[in-house]
Each structure stands twice: as structure tokens, then as C-alpha cells.
Amino acid sequence: MSDIPADRVALVIGVTGHRDIAPRDEAPLRETFRTALRELSASCPHVPLVVLSGLATGADSLAAEEAMARSAPVIAVLPMPVDEYEKDFSSEELPRFRRLLEKCARIVVASAQRENGYFAAGTFLAQYSHVLVAFWDGDAGRGEGGTADVVRMRTTSLPGLDADVAEIPYLPDLGPVYHIVTPRSAGTPPSDAYALRRIFPQRFLHDTGMEREYETIVRHLDQYNLDLLQAHASDGASLHALVERTDAVANRLQKRTNFFRVLLLAFALLAAAVQIVGHLPSILKVAGLAAAFVAYRLARKNDYENRYQDYRALAEALRVQNAWYYAGERRELVDRSYLHMQEGELQWIRMALRYFHLVYCATSECEDASPDHEVCRDWVRLQWQYYYRAGRREAACNRALNRTMAAGVGAGIVCLIAAAVALGARGQLAQALFPSSLAWPGWTTAILENLLSVPLALGAMLAAILADYANKQNLQGNARRYERMFRVFDRGRRDLLSIARDKRGNARHVLLSLGRAALVEQADWLIARRERPLQIVVV
């Protein structure tokens, strides 16, 4: 039995399919499924595979056996408790089910009772799967939670039936379906039996964007795992340890991003100085622009900025998930409040969040869960401190930049005035006060003439470059947003202290509200930063 990877994200393969598969069809179906697994594994070599299976007779059991043969961990997603579920197996089928169940890495019971159990299991598969493999003949479903219903949920985000399933309150994201054409034991087999079809949801007719986006998502997952390998591994497997490693990677990438940003600004200032100071060799400007282009291409090729921002956002969302788990709200998924409208390449963050919820929260209860848990208190306190300090840091940085811009322009104006006065003195007073033999040398006139224009132009250019930097960083907007979030957490912190003292109020409600506010703020920050990407400063 293989353990579920908990120190990195895995690609979750959900399996749904027909029960009535003839023995003659099992071998070719197994081979097609192996082909699908090889393809998915090759697309992201640093992302392990995890399989979700209901272990029902037929496709579920067949896929689980093949996954275990590849040493891929299998999570059993049962529609009801084991004792009740075993009633749906014949005496010949039951030993196979029990054997597979013993080898599963974990067991999830989707519903506590038989009613709507299969629908709940199908919804769970659709919700947590990154890729759904459907052993399906393509026809309409024959019962609740059937293969057709699960495929429909993955490709349209709409449930197949009008059912109220309290255990699974969230609809799944759109995602790809690997359709293995599967004949039923009775009836005419399809002409393309055993073929592998790749189905990608379409937002409109002939839309192919989802396929390209999925390829990008897989690359992000693979890069994230590769980056995590370079972070120091904490002792033990926990959400907190994962957050620390993700934060460490984000900090390293942030330093590289800032280095390249400062480098581009320096090259821009150099090019501007060469242009303004006319007697400097033009080759310096060409060299500065070439160096800026090389630095820009290197930073963009390695995607330092987006990786840093995505990892920071992922770490913050995991902090909220961890606090909710210890507060006793393990069924609350952070991705429900996080980037819900953001599809495309950012969807990889939601996929990672759901995987980590599956690993750390969905299959286990926190024994000492309480809104007053130390983890919850620390999260609120640290967020309160962070927003307080970050707001003042951004405001101070913005003020410093404004002072620097004003100082640069002011220095230019002072030089201009001084040069003008000196030139006036040179032209009039010097003739009256000094003999011709003591007149200023000719080269002083050139210096004074340069002082009339060069310092002021350089000061203005410095101000323009710093203003561009402040705009890209959105320092003023960040300071205001952090100040608002500080007030939110300050109020929440005082509410929690009041509830703990007076025993009146709902502390869990406060923690959920604070978490959702933090998720929305982080999503806004991420989108705002992506709208201001790293660029060459042209002057």
C-alpha cells in the first residue's frame, strides 16, 4: 500500500464507470487505462498520481488494481458505510472488494446513509478530481450518481440530478475527462470500443481554450513541486509545514524578482543619463538597453514574478484552511471563496488547495478542534500584526519614494538657478571686477551650460522612473488595502476576546468571516499584481 503524498501536490485521477463489464473486455480496457496513466504521468513528471475509486464491481475495481500495480495510492470513495455498501456486492464479488479495500491508502465515506449515497460519491469524485477517467459507453445514465452524471458535472459544473446532498455542498470546477469507450456486457459494442477520447469543457461552440489552459495548469503544478524540492523539509507532514516550505520558496523568488526589477530600473536610468549628457558615448545607451533586455528575458523565461506571487497566495490560503480545520470547520474549503471567477492558469491554485484539503482535512477530524485552539489564536494574531506592519511599511516606502522624487527635481532646480547666476556673473560682473588675465577659463562655460539642463533633466527622469516603480508596486493602494484589513482583523480579534470572556456569540462564525475576508484580499492582491507585470522601463 502506497502512502498519499502530503509534502507536495499530486494529480488526482477520479475513476467512474460501468459495473457490467464482460470478462473479454477487461484486458483491452486495462491497457487503455494504462495508456491514460502513462500520458498523464509524462505530462507532469514531478507530480505523482493519486486515484479515487468507488471500488464497485467493474470499472472501479479494474482501475484500482491497475493503479496499485503502478504503486499509485488509491483512495476509496464509498457511497455509504462499508457494512451497508457490501450489500450491493454478490458473494463472488465481495472478496475482490474487501481485498482492494485493505490495500487502499485511505477510505472516504461520502454519505452516512444509503439515500443519495451514490450521488454523493459521484459528486465527491467530480469535486476532487483533477482529471476524470470515465469507463463509459456514452449513453445516458441508468441511475443516481451514474457515470453520465459525473461526466456532466465535470464538463458543465451542473449536477446530474436535483438532489440535496449536505455532505458535498460545493459544485466542482470544470475539468478534462478521459473517456474510455467501454462496452456493456449486454448489447451491441460501440464501433470504437476501447478507444481513449479526451473531452475538454467548452465555454462556447468550438472553444479550444480549455485544453491549452489545462496544459498550462499542469506545468504550474509540476513547477511548484520542483520548487518545493529546493525548500528545506520540515519535520512531519502537516499543513503548517507545507505553508512554511511554500513561503520559503516564495521568499526566494521574491528576492530574485526584486533584484531584476531594480536592475531594470538601473539600466533605464543609465540609458536616460547617456541620452541627456550628450558628450557620453552612445554605445553606453545601446549596451544599457541590451543588458536590460537580457535581464528582462531571463526573468520572464524563469517566470520569477508570477511564481512568487502564486506561491504567496497559495501559502496564505493554506493558512486560512489550517485555521478553519483546527476551529472544527474541516468541511469548509478555502477555494470556495478564493479565485472562484478566475479560470485559466490560476486554476492550478484552486486544484492544489482542493488536493491539500483532501489530504489533510476531508478524511480526518481534528481531535481537539475549537475556535479557541492555539493555532486559530496564532493565525488571527499574526494576521493582525502583518496587516498593521505591512500597511505602514507600504505607506513609508511610498513617502520615501515621493521625497526622493522631490529631492531629485529640487536638486536639478537648484543646479539650474546656481548655473544661471554663475553665467550672469561670468558675463557681466567678472569683466568689472577682474582683469582679463584673470577671466574664467573657457571650459567653465561648458560646465555651467550643462548645469542649466542636465541635473534638472536627470532629476525629472529619476522622478519618472521612481513614479513608474511606485505605480507597478501599487504602494499607495496596498497601504490602503492593508489598513482596511487591519481594521477587519482588529475588530475580529476583539470580538473573539469578548466571546471567550462572556461566552456569548459564535466564535466559529467570526473565524470563517475573517478567513473569507483574507482570501478575498489575497485574490485581489494577486490579480492586481498580475495586471502590473515586470517590464522594461523605456525612457
Foldseek 3Di string as FASTA:
>chain_A
DAADDQLAAAAEEEEAEDQFADPVQLVLLLVLLVVVVVVLCVLFVLHAYEYEAQLHHDRRLSNLVSCVVVVHAYEHEHLEDPVVRLVVDDPVSNVSSVVSVVRHNYYHHQDHDDVCSLQSSLQVSLAQHQEYEYQEQPDDDDDHNHRNQSLCLQQPLDGPDPDDRPSQPGGHYHHKYWYQNGDGPDDDGDPPHRDTDIDGHDPDPPDPQRVVLSSLLSVLSSVQSVLLVVFDQDPDRDLVRSLVSLLVSLVVLVVLVVVLLVLLLVLQLQLLLCVLPPVDDNVSNVVSVVVNVVSVVVCVVVVSPLSSLLSVLLSLLSLLQVLLQLQFNLSDQSVVLACPVPDGNSCSSVSRSSSSSVVHRSRDHDPNRRLPDPSNLVSLVVLLVCLVVLLVVLVVVVVVLVVQLVVQQVVLVVLLVVLVVVVVCLVPVCVVPDPPVPRDDPVVNVVSVSSNGSSNSSSNSSNVSSVLVCVLVVSVVSSVLSVVLSVLSVVLSVVLVVCVVVVDDDSSVSSVVNSSVSNVSSNVVSVSNVVRDRDNDHD
